[in-house]
Amino acid sequence: STVYLEMNNREREVTAGYYCNAKFRPDKYW
């Protein structure tokens, strides 16, 4: 029940919050 985000070569990215989202219409969760 897990989703991943592998981030490589983060040259352009700045400090930020990363948020997970689950969607199954009409429901959406954060």
PDB file of all heavy atoms in Angstrom:
ATOM      1  N   SER A   1       0.832  -1.215   0.000  1.00  0.00           N
ATOM      2  CA  SER A   1       0.000   0.000   0.000  1.00  0.00           C
ATOM      3  C   SER A   1       0.859   1.254   0.000  1.00  0.00           C
ATOM      4  O   SER A   1       0.541   2.247   0.674  1.00  0.00           O
ATOM      5  CB  SER A   1      -0.937   0.005   1.217  1.00  0.00           C
ATOM      6  OG  SER A   1      -1.822  -1.086   1.171  1.00  0.00           O
ATOM      7  N   THR A   2       1.915   1.216  -0.758  1.00  0.00           N
ATOM      8  CA  THR A   2       2.907   2.288  -0.719  1.00  0.00           C
ATOM      9  C   THR A   2       3.279   2.761  -2.120  1.00  0.00           C
ATOM     10  O   THR A   2       3.436   1.941  -3.026  1.00  0.00           O
ATOM     11  CB  THR A   2       4.169   1.833   0.032  1.00  0.00           C
ATOM     12  OG1 THR A   2       3.820   1.470   1.373  1.00  0.00           O
ATOM     13  CG2 THR A   2       5.220   2.938   0.082  1.00  0.00           C
ATOM     14  N   VAL A   3       3.418   4.064  -2.239  1.00  0.00           N
ATOM     15  CA  VAL A   3       3.919   4.677  -3.465  1.00  0.00           C
ATOM     16  C   VAL A   3       5.245   5.346  -3.148  1.00  0.00           C
ATOM     17  O   VAL A   3       5.447   5.867  -2.041  1.00  0.00           O
ATOM     18  CB  VAL A   3       2.900   5.682  -4.052  1.00  0.00           C
ATOM     19  CG1 VAL A   3       2.644   6.834  -3.096  1.00  0.00           C
ATOM     20  CG2 VAL A   3       3.361   6.192  -5.411  1.00  0.00           C
ATOM     21  N   TYR A   4       6.149   5.311  -4.115  1.00  0.00           N
ATOM     22  CA  TYR A   4       7.493   5.840  -3.911  1.00  0.00           C
ATOM     23  C   TYR A   4       7.800   6.933  -4.937  1.00  0.00           C
ATOM     24  O   TYR A   4       7.237   6.938  -6.039  1.00  0.00           O
ATOM     25  CB  TYR A   4       8.529   4.731  -4.056  1.00  0.00           C
ATOM     26  CG  TYR A   4       8.305   3.545  -3.160  1.00  0.00           C
ATOM     27  CD1 TYR A   4       7.616   2.423  -3.611  1.00  0.00           C
ATOM     28  CD2 TYR A   4       8.783   3.545  -1.851  1.00  0.00           C
ATOM     29  CE1 TYR A   4       7.394   1.332  -2.794  1.00  0.00           C
ATOM     30  CE2 TYR A   4       8.568   2.452  -1.021  1.00  0.00           C
ATOM     31  CZ  TYR A   4       7.885   1.354  -1.497  1.00  0.00           C
ATOM     32  OH  TYR A   4       7.669   0.282  -0.672  1.00  0.00           O
ATOM     33  N   LEU A   5       8.702   7.805  -4.561  1.00  0.00           N
ATOM     34  CA  LEU A   5       9.228   8.776  -5.515  1.00  0.00           C
ATOM     35  C   LEU A   5      10.744   8.770  -5.367  1.00  0.00           C
ATOM     36  O   LEU A   5      11.269   9.228  -4.345  1.00  0.00           O
ATOM     37  CB  LEU A   5       8.677  10.182  -5.276  1.00  0.00           C
ATOM     38  CG  LEU A   5       9.141  11.216  -6.295  1.00  0.00           C
ATOM     39  CD1 LEU A   5       8.539  10.912  -7.673  1.00  0.00           C
ATOM     40  CD2 LEU A   5       8.759  12.628  -5.856  1.00  0.00           C
ATOM     41  N   GLU A   6      11.404   8.221  -6.361  1.00  0.00           N
ATOM     42  CA  GLU A   6      12.860   8.211  -6.387  1.00  0.00           C
ATOM     43  C   GLU A   6      13.307   9.474  -7.112  1.00  0.00           C
ATOM     44  O   GLU A   6      12.971   9.691  -8.275  1.00  0.00           O
ATOM     45  CB  GLU A   6      13.347   6.962  -7.132  1.00  0.00           C
ATOM     46  CG  GLU A   6      14.851   6.776  -7.117  1.00  0.00           C
ATOM     47  CD  GLU A   6      15.358   6.164  -5.824  1.00  0.00           C
ATOM     48  OE1 GLU A   6      14.644   5.322  -5.259  1.00  0.00           O
ATOM     49  OE2 GLU A   6      16.463   6.532  -5.403  1.00  0.00           O
ATOM     50  N   MET A   7      14.070  10.303  -6.421  1.00  0.00           N
ATOM     51  CA  MET A   7      14.518  11.571  -6.988  1.00  0.00           C
ATOM     52  C   MET A   7      16.027  11.520  -7.163  1.00  0.00           C
ATOM     53  O   MET A   7      16.763  11.406  -6.185  1.00  0.00           O
ATOM     54  CB  MET A   7      14.126  12.734  -6.075  1.00  0.00           C
ATOM     55  CG  MET A   7      12.630  12.810  -5.796  1.00  0.00           C
ATOM     56  SD  MET A   7      12.174  14.249  -4.816  1.00  0.00           S
ATOM     57  CE  MET A   7      12.845  13.766  -3.226  1.00  0.00           C
ATOM     58  N   ASN A   8      16.471  11.603  -8.384  1.00  0.00           N
ATOM     59  CA  ASN A   8      17.904  11.579  -8.686  1.00  0.00           C
ATOM     60  C   ASN A   8      18.321  12.881  -9.354  1.00  0.00           C
ATOM     61  O   ASN A   8      17.515  13.563  -9.982  1.00  0.00           O
ATOM     62  CB  ASN A   8      18.222  10.402  -9.603  1.00  0.00           C
ATOM     63  CG  ASN A   8      17.966   9.074  -8.929  1.00  0.00           C
ATOM     64  OD1 ASN A   8      18.381   8.843  -7.796  1.00  0.00           O
ATOM     65  ND2 ASN A   8      17.261   8.192  -9.628  1.00  0.00           N
ATOM     66  N   ASN A   9      19.583  13.220  -9.179  1.00  0.00           N
ATOM     67  CA  ASN A   9      20.141  14.403  -9.832  1.00  0.00           C
ATOM     68  C   ASN A   9      19.267  15.628  -9.600  1.00  0.00           C
ATOM     69  O   ASN A   9      18.809  16.284 -10.533  1.00  0.00           O
ATOM     70  CB  ASN A   9      20.288  14.146 -11.329  1.00  0.00           C
ATOM     71  CG  ASN A   9      21.082  15.239 -12.019  1.00  0.00           C
ATOM     72  OD1 ASN A   9      21.811  15.997 -11.378  1.00  0.00           O
ATOM     73  ND2 ASN A   9      20.922  15.342 -13.323  1.00  0.00           N
ATOM     74  N   ARG A  10      19.080  15.940  -8.337  1.00  0.00           N
ATOM     75  CA  ARG A  10      18.215  17.054  -7.967  1.00  0.00           C
ATOM     76  C   ARG A  10      18.932  18.389  -8.153  1.00  0.00           C
ATOM     77  O   ARG A  10      19.119  19.143  -7.207  1.00  0.00           O
ATOM     78  CB  ARG A  10      17.749  16.902  -6.526  1.00  0.00           C
ATOM     79  CG  ARG A  10      16.739  15.777  -6.308  1.00  0.00           C
ATOM     80  CD  ARG A  10      16.393  15.684  -4.839  1.00  0.00           C
ATOM     81  NE  ARG A  10      16.188  17.003  -4.268  1.00  0.00           N
ATOM     82  CZ  ARG A  10      15.025  17.624  -4.177  1.00  0.00           C
ATOM     83  NH1 ARG A  10      13.938  17.031  -4.620  1.00  0.00           N
ATOM     84  NH2 ARG A  10      14.924  18.823  -3.627  1.00  0.00           N
ATOM     85  N   GLU A  11      19.348  18.667  -9.366  1.00  0.00           N
ATOM     86  CA  GLU A  11      20.084  19.901  -9.619  1.00  0.00           C
ATOM     87  C   GLU A  11      19.178  21.122  -9.559  1.00  0.00           C
ATOM     88  O   GLU A  11      19.574  22.175  -9.084  1.00  0.00           O
ATOM     89  CB  GLU A  11      20.773  19.820 -10.988  1.00  0.00           C
ATOM     90  CG  GLU A  11      21.948  18.856 -11.044  1.00  0.00           C
ATOM     91  CD  GLU A  11      23.162  19.365 -10.287  1.00  0.00           C
ATOM     92  OE1 GLU A  11      23.148  20.503  -9.791  1.00  0.00           O
ATOM     93  OE2 GLU A  11      24.131  18.589 -10.181  1.00  0.00           O
ATOM     94  N   ARG A  12      17.973  20.987 -10.090  1.00  0.00           N
ATOM     95  CA  ARG A  12      17.109  22.146 -10.276  1.00  0.00           C
ATOM     96  C   ARG A  12      16.108  22.352  -9.153  1.00  0.00           C
ATOM     97  O   ARG A  12      15.500  23.404  -9.037  1.00  0.00           O
ATOM     98  CB  ARG A  12      16.345  22.003 -11.591  1.00  0.00           C
ATOM     99  CG  ARG A  12      17.214  22.162 -12.824  1.00  0.00           C
ATOM    100  CD  ARG A  12      16.456  21.760 -14.068  1.00  0.00           C
ATOM    101  NE  ARG A  12      16.866  20.456 -14.542  1.00  0.00           N
ATOM    102  CZ  ARG A  12      16.297  19.831 -15.556  1.00  0.00           C
ATOM    103  NH1 ARG A  12      15.272  20.340 -16.161  1.00  0.00           N
ATOM    104  NH2 ARG A  12      16.748  18.653 -15.933  1.00  0.00           N
ATOM    105  N   GLU A  13      15.958  21.331  -8.312  1.00  0.00           N
ATOM    106  CA  GLU A  13      14.899  21.424  -7.304  1.00  0.00           C
ATOM    107  C   GLU A  13      15.356  22.261  -6.116  1.00  0.00           C
ATOM    108  O   GLU A  13      16.527  22.276  -5.744  1.00  0.00           O
ATOM    109  CB  GLU A  13      14.505  20.029  -6.835  1.00  0.00           C
ATOM    110  CG  GLU A  13      13.581  19.297  -7.792  1.00  0.00           C
ATOM    111  CD  GLU A  13      14.267  18.921  -9.090  1.00  0.00           C
ATOM    112  OE1 GLU A  13      15.455  18.550  -9.055  1.00  0.00           O
ATOM    113  OE2 GLU A  13      13.603  19.005 -10.141  1.00  0.00           O
ATOM    114  N   VAL A  14      14.405  22.959  -5.529  1.00  0.00           N
ATOM    115  CA  VAL A  14      14.665  23.777  -4.347  1.00  0.00           C
ATOM    116  C   VAL A  14      14.030  23.099  -3.139  1.00  0.00           C
ATOM    117  O   VAL A  14      13.350  22.080  -3.260  1.00  0.00           O
ATOM    118  CB  VAL A  14      14.093  25.189  -4.533  1.00  0.00           C
ATOM    119  CG1 VAL A  14      14.754  25.882  -5.717  1.00  0.00           C
ATOM    120  CG2 VAL A  14      12.578  25.145  -4.716  1.00  0.00           C
ATOM    121  N   THR A  15      14.264  23.667  -1.998  1.00  0.00           N
ATOM    122  CA  THR A  15      13.628  23.175  -0.778  1.00  0.00           C
ATOM    123  C   THR A  15      12.117  23.243  -0.936  1.00  0.00           C
ATOM    124  O   THR A  15      11.570  24.271  -1.354  1.00  0.00           O
ATOM    125  CB  THR A  15      14.078  24.022   0.419  1.00  0.00           C
ATOM    126  OG1 THR A  15      15.482  23.797   0.633  1.00  0.00           O
ATOM    127  CG2 THR A  15      13.304  23.657   1.665  1.00  0.00           C
ATOM    128  N   ALA A  16      11.460  22.150  -0.622  1.00  0.00           N
ATOM    129  CA  ALA A  16      10.010  22.104  -0.808  1.00  0.00           C
ATOM    130  C   ALA A  16       9.413  20.992   0.028  1.00  0.00           C
ATOM    131  O   ALA A  16      10.105  20.055   0.420  1.00  0.00           O
ATOM    132  CB  ALA A  16       9.669  21.875  -2.282  1.00  0.00           C
ATOM    133  N   GLY A  17       8.131  21.133   0.290  1.00  0.00           N
ATOM    134  CA  GLY A  17       7.374  20.050   0.878  1.00  0.00           C
ATOM    135  C   GLY A  17       6.869  19.148  -0.230  1.00  0.00           C
ATOM    136  O   GLY A  17       6.489  19.646  -1.305  1.00  0.00           O
ATOM    137  N   TYR A  18       6.887  17.857   0.014  1.00  0.00           N
ATOM    138  CA  TYR A  18       6.373  16.899  -0.960  1.00  0.00           C
ATOM    139  C   TYR A  18       5.159  16.203  -0.357  1.00  0.00           C
ATOM    140  O   TYR A  18       5.218  15.710   0.779  1.00  0.00           O
ATOM    141  CB  TYR A  18       7.456  15.888  -1.342  1.00  0.00           C
ATOM    142  CG  TYR A  18       8.441  16.466  -2.327  1.00  0.00           C
ATOM    143  CD1 TYR A  18       9.439  17.335  -1.895  1.00  0.00           C
ATOM    144  CD2 TYR A  18       8.361  16.179  -3.680  1.00  0.00           C
ATOM    145  CE1 TYR A  18      10.332  17.897  -2.799  1.00  0.00           C
ATOM    146  CE2 TYR A  18       9.244  16.728  -4.591  1.00  0.00           C
ATOM    147  CZ  TYR A  18      10.220  17.594  -4.142  1.00  0.00           C
ATOM    148  OH  TYR A  18      11.105  18.157  -5.035  1.00  0.00           O
ATOM    149  N   TYR A  19       4.109  16.169  -1.149  1.00  0.00           N
ATOM    150  CA  TYR A  19       2.824  15.690  -0.666  1.00  0.00           C
ATOM    151  C   TYR A  19       2.321  14.535  -1.513  1.00  0.00           C
ATOM    152  O   TYR A  19       2.380  14.575  -2.748  1.00  0.00           O
ATOM    153  CB  TYR A  19       1.787  16.814  -0.693  1.00  0.00           C
ATOM    154  CG  TYR A  19       2.175  17.973   0.186  1.00  0.00           C
ATOM    155  CD1 TYR A  19       3.008  18.980  -0.278  1.00  0.00           C
ATOM    156  CD2 TYR A  19       1.724  18.047   1.503  1.00  0.00           C
ATOM    157  CE1 TYR A  19       3.393  20.023   0.536  1.00  0.00           C
ATOM    158  CE2 TYR A  19       2.095  19.090   2.325  1.00  0.00           C
ATOM    159  CZ  TYR A  19       2.935  20.081   1.838  1.00  0.00           C
ATOM    160  OH  TYR A  19       3.312  21.117   2.649  1.00  0.00           O
ATOM    161  N   CYS A  20       1.812  13.546  -0.851  1.00  0.00           N
ATOM    162  CA  CYS A  20       1.250  12.372  -1.499  1.00  0.00           C
ATOM    163  C   CYS A  20      -0.260  12.583  -1.691  1.00  0.00           C
ATOM    164  O   CYS A  20      -0.920  13.162  -0.822  1.00  0.00           O
ATOM    165  CB  CYS A  20       1.516  11.166  -0.600  1.00  0.00           C
ATOM    166  SG  CYS A  20       0.882   9.610  -1.189  1.00  0.00           S
ATOM    167  N   ASN A  21      -0.759  12.109  -2.804  1.00  0.00           N
ATOM    168  CA  ASN A  21      -2.177  12.254  -3.124  1.00  0.00           C
ATOM    169  C   ASN A  21      -2.733  10.922  -3.620  1.00  0.00           C
ATOM    170  O   ASN A  21      -2.075  10.232  -4.399  1.00  0.00           O
ATOM    171  CB  ASN A  21      -2.335  13.328  -4.201  1.00  0.00           C
ATOM    172  CG  ASN A  21      -3.744  13.412  -4.743  1.00  0.00           C
ATOM    173  OD1 ASN A  21      -4.083  12.710  -5.694  1.00  0.00           O
ATOM    174  ND2 ASN A  21      -4.549  14.246  -4.139  1.00  0.00           N
ATOM    175  N   ALA A  22      -3.929  10.580  -3.147  1.00  0.00           N
ATOM    176  CA  ALA A  22      -4.629   9.387  -3.611  1.00  0.00           C
ATOM    177  C   ALA A  22      -5.975   9.814  -4.173  1.00  0.00           C
ATOM    178  O   ALA A  22      -6.700  10.568  -3.529  1.00  0.00           O
ATOM    179  CB  ALA A  22      -4.830   8.403  -2.468  1.00  0.00           C
ATOM    180  N   LYS A  23      -6.284   9.321  -5.373  1.00  0.00           N
ATOM    181  CA  LYS A  23      -7.516   9.753  -6.018  1.00  0.00           C
ATOM    182  C   LYS A  23      -8.292   8.570  -6.559  1.00  0.00           C
ATOM    183  O   LYS A  23      -7.742   7.711  -7.270  1.00  0.00           O
ATOM    184  CB  LYS A  23      -7.190  10.721  -7.161  1.00  0.00           C
ATOM    185  CG  LYS A  23      -8.399  11.285  -7.854  1.00  0.00           C
ATOM    186  CD  LYS A  23      -8.005  12.365  -8.846  1.00  0.00           C
ATOM    187  CE  LYS A  23      -7.196  11.810  -9.995  1.00  0.00           C
ATOM    188  NZ  LYS A  23      -6.846  12.854 -10.988  1.00  0.00           N
ATOM    189  N   PHE A  24      -9.569   8.535  -6.216  1.00  0.00           N
ATOM    190  CA  PHE A  24     -10.517   7.582  -6.791  1.00  0.00           C
ATOM    191  C   PHE A  24     -11.845   8.320  -6.802  1.00  0.00           C
ATOM    192  O   PHE A  24     -12.485   8.476  -5.769  1.00  0.00           O
ATOM    193  CB  PHE A  24     -10.590   6.298  -5.961  1.00  0.00           C
ATOM    194  CG  PHE A  24     -11.560   5.292  -6.496  1.00  0.00           C
ATOM    195  CD1 PHE A  24     -11.314   4.635  -7.683  1.00  0.00           C
ATOM    196  CD2 PHE A  24     -12.732   4.987  -5.805  1.00  0.00           C
ATOM    197  CE1 PHE A  24     -12.204   3.706  -8.195  1.00  0.00           C
ATOM    198  CE2 PHE A  24     -13.634   4.058  -6.306  1.00  0.00           C
ATOM    199  CZ  PHE A  24     -13.368   3.419  -7.493  1.00  0.00           C
ATOM    200  N   ARG A  25     -12.209   8.793  -7.973  1.00  0.00           N
ATOM    201  CA  ARG A  25     -13.315   9.736  -8.082  1.00  0.00           C
ATOM    202  C   ARG A  25     -14.573   9.246  -7.371  1.00  0.00           C
ATOM    203  O   ARG A  25     -14.958   8.089  -7.535  1.00  0.00           O
ATOM    204  CB  ARG A  25     -13.613   9.998  -9.561  1.00  0.00           C
ATOM    205  CG  ARG A  25     -12.549  10.781 -10.252  1.00  0.00           C
ATOM    206  CD  ARG A  25     -12.915  11.089 -11.684  1.00  0.00           C
ATOM    207  NE  ARG A  25     -11.874  11.900 -12.343  1.00  0.00           N
ATOM    208  CZ  ARG A  25     -11.931  12.292 -13.585  1.00  0.00           C
ATOM    209  NH1 ARG A  25     -12.983  11.959 -14.325  1.00  0.00           N
ATOM    210  NH2 ARG A  25     -10.959  13.012 -14.094  1.00  0.00           N
ATOM    211  N   PRO A  26     -15.220  10.135  -6.624  1.00  0.00           N
ATOM    212  CA  PRO A  26     -14.911  11.554  -6.452  1.00  0.00           C
ATOM    213  C   PRO A  26     -14.000  11.856  -5.272  1.00  0.00           C
ATOM    214  O   PRO A  26     -13.771  13.006  -4.929  1.00  0.00           O
ATOM    215  CB  PRO A  26     -16.282  12.160  -6.180  1.00  0.00           C
ATOM    216  CG  PRO A  26     -16.976  11.103  -5.386  1.00  0.00           C
ATOM    217  CD  PRO A  26     -16.487   9.778  -5.937  1.00  0.00           C
ATOM    218  N   ASP A  27     -13.437  10.830  -4.662  1.00  0.00           N
ATOM    219  CA  ASP A  27     -12.653  11.021  -3.453  1.00  0.00           C
ATOM    220  C   ASP A  27     -11.208  11.385  -3.781  1.00  0.00           C
ATOM    221  O   ASP A  27     -10.620  10.880  -4.734  1.00  0.00           O
ATOM    222  CB  ASP A  27     -12.667   9.755  -2.611  1.00  0.00           C
ATOM    223  CG  ASP A  27     -14.070   9.358  -2.194  1.00  0.00           C
ATOM    224  OD1 ASP A  27     -14.875  10.256  -1.896  1.00  0.00           O
ATOM    225  OD2 ASP A  27     -14.358   8.145  -2.182  1.00  0.00           O
ATOM    226  N   LYS A  28     -10.663  12.227  -2.938  1.00  0.00           N
ATOM    227  CA  LYS A  28      -9.263  12.618  -3.062  1.00  0.00           C
ATOM    228  C   LYS A  28      -8.713  12.834  -1.661  1.00  0.00           C
ATOM    229  O   LYS A  28      -9.360  13.471  -0.826  1.00  0.00           O
ATOM    230  CB  LYS A  28      -9.125  13.903  -3.876  1.00  0.00           C
ATOM    231  CG  LYS A  28      -7.681  14.315  -4.137  1.00  0.00           C
ATOM    232  CD  LYS A  28      -7.624  15.620  -4.924  1.00  0.00           C
ATOM    233  CE  LYS A  28      -8.053  15.436  -6.359  1.00  0.00           C
ATOM    234  NZ  LYS A  28      -7.804  16.658  -7.173  1.00  0.00           N
ATOM    235  N   TYR A  29      -7.511  12.301  -1.410  1.00  0.00           N
ATOM    236  CA  TYR A  29      -6.907  12.397  -0.092  1.00  0.00           C
ATOM    237  C   TYR A  29      -5.482  12.920  -0.207  1.00  0.00           C
ATOM    238  O   TYR A  29      -4.792  12.660  -1.198  1.00  0.00           O
ATOM    239  CB  TYR A  29      -6.883  11.026   0.592  1.00  0.00           C
ATOM    240  CG  TYR A  29      -8.248  10.391   0.728  1.00  0.00           C
ATOM    241  CD1 TYR A  29      -8.707   9.470  -0.208  1.00  0.00           C
ATOM    242  CD2 TYR A  29      -9.093  10.734   1.779  1.00  0.00           C
ATOM    243  CE1 TYR A  29      -9.957   8.896  -0.099  1.00  0.00           C
ATOM    244  CE2 TYR A  29     -10.347  10.163   1.899  1.00  0.00           C
ATOM    245  CZ  TYR A  29     -10.771   9.250   0.956  1.00  0.00           C
ATOM    246  OH  TYR A  29     -12.014   8.692   1.065  1.00  0.00           O
ATOM    247  N   TRP A  30      -5.071  13.634   0.839  1.00  0.00           N
ATOM    248  CA  TRP A  30      -3.715  14.208   0.889  1.00  0.00           C
ATOM    249  C   TRP A  30      -3.006  13.760   2.160  1.00  0.00           C
ATOM    250  O   TRP A  30      -3.625  13.633   3.220  1.00  0.00           O
ATOM    251  CB  TRP A  30      -3.776  15.732   0.885  1.00  0.00           C
ATOM    252  CG  TRP A  30      -4.245  16.322  -0.393  1.00  0.00           C
ATOM    253  CD1 TRP A  30      -5.515  16.699  -0.701  1.00  0.00           C
ATOM    254  CD2 TRP A  30      -3.448  16.602  -1.541  1.00  0.00           C
ATOM    255  NE1 TRP A  30      -5.561  17.197  -1.979  1.00  0.00           N
ATOM    256  CE2 TRP A  30      -4.305  17.153  -2.515  1.00  0.00           C
ATOM    257  CE3 TRP A  30      -2.102  16.448  -1.847  1.00  0.00           C
ATOM    258  CZ2 TRP A  30      -3.853  17.552  -3.774  1.00  0.00           C
ATOM    259  CZ3 TRP A  30      -1.645  16.849  -3.093  1.00  0.00           C
ATOM    260  CH2 TRP A  30      -2.515  17.385  -4.042  1.00  0.00           C
TER     261      TRP A  30
END
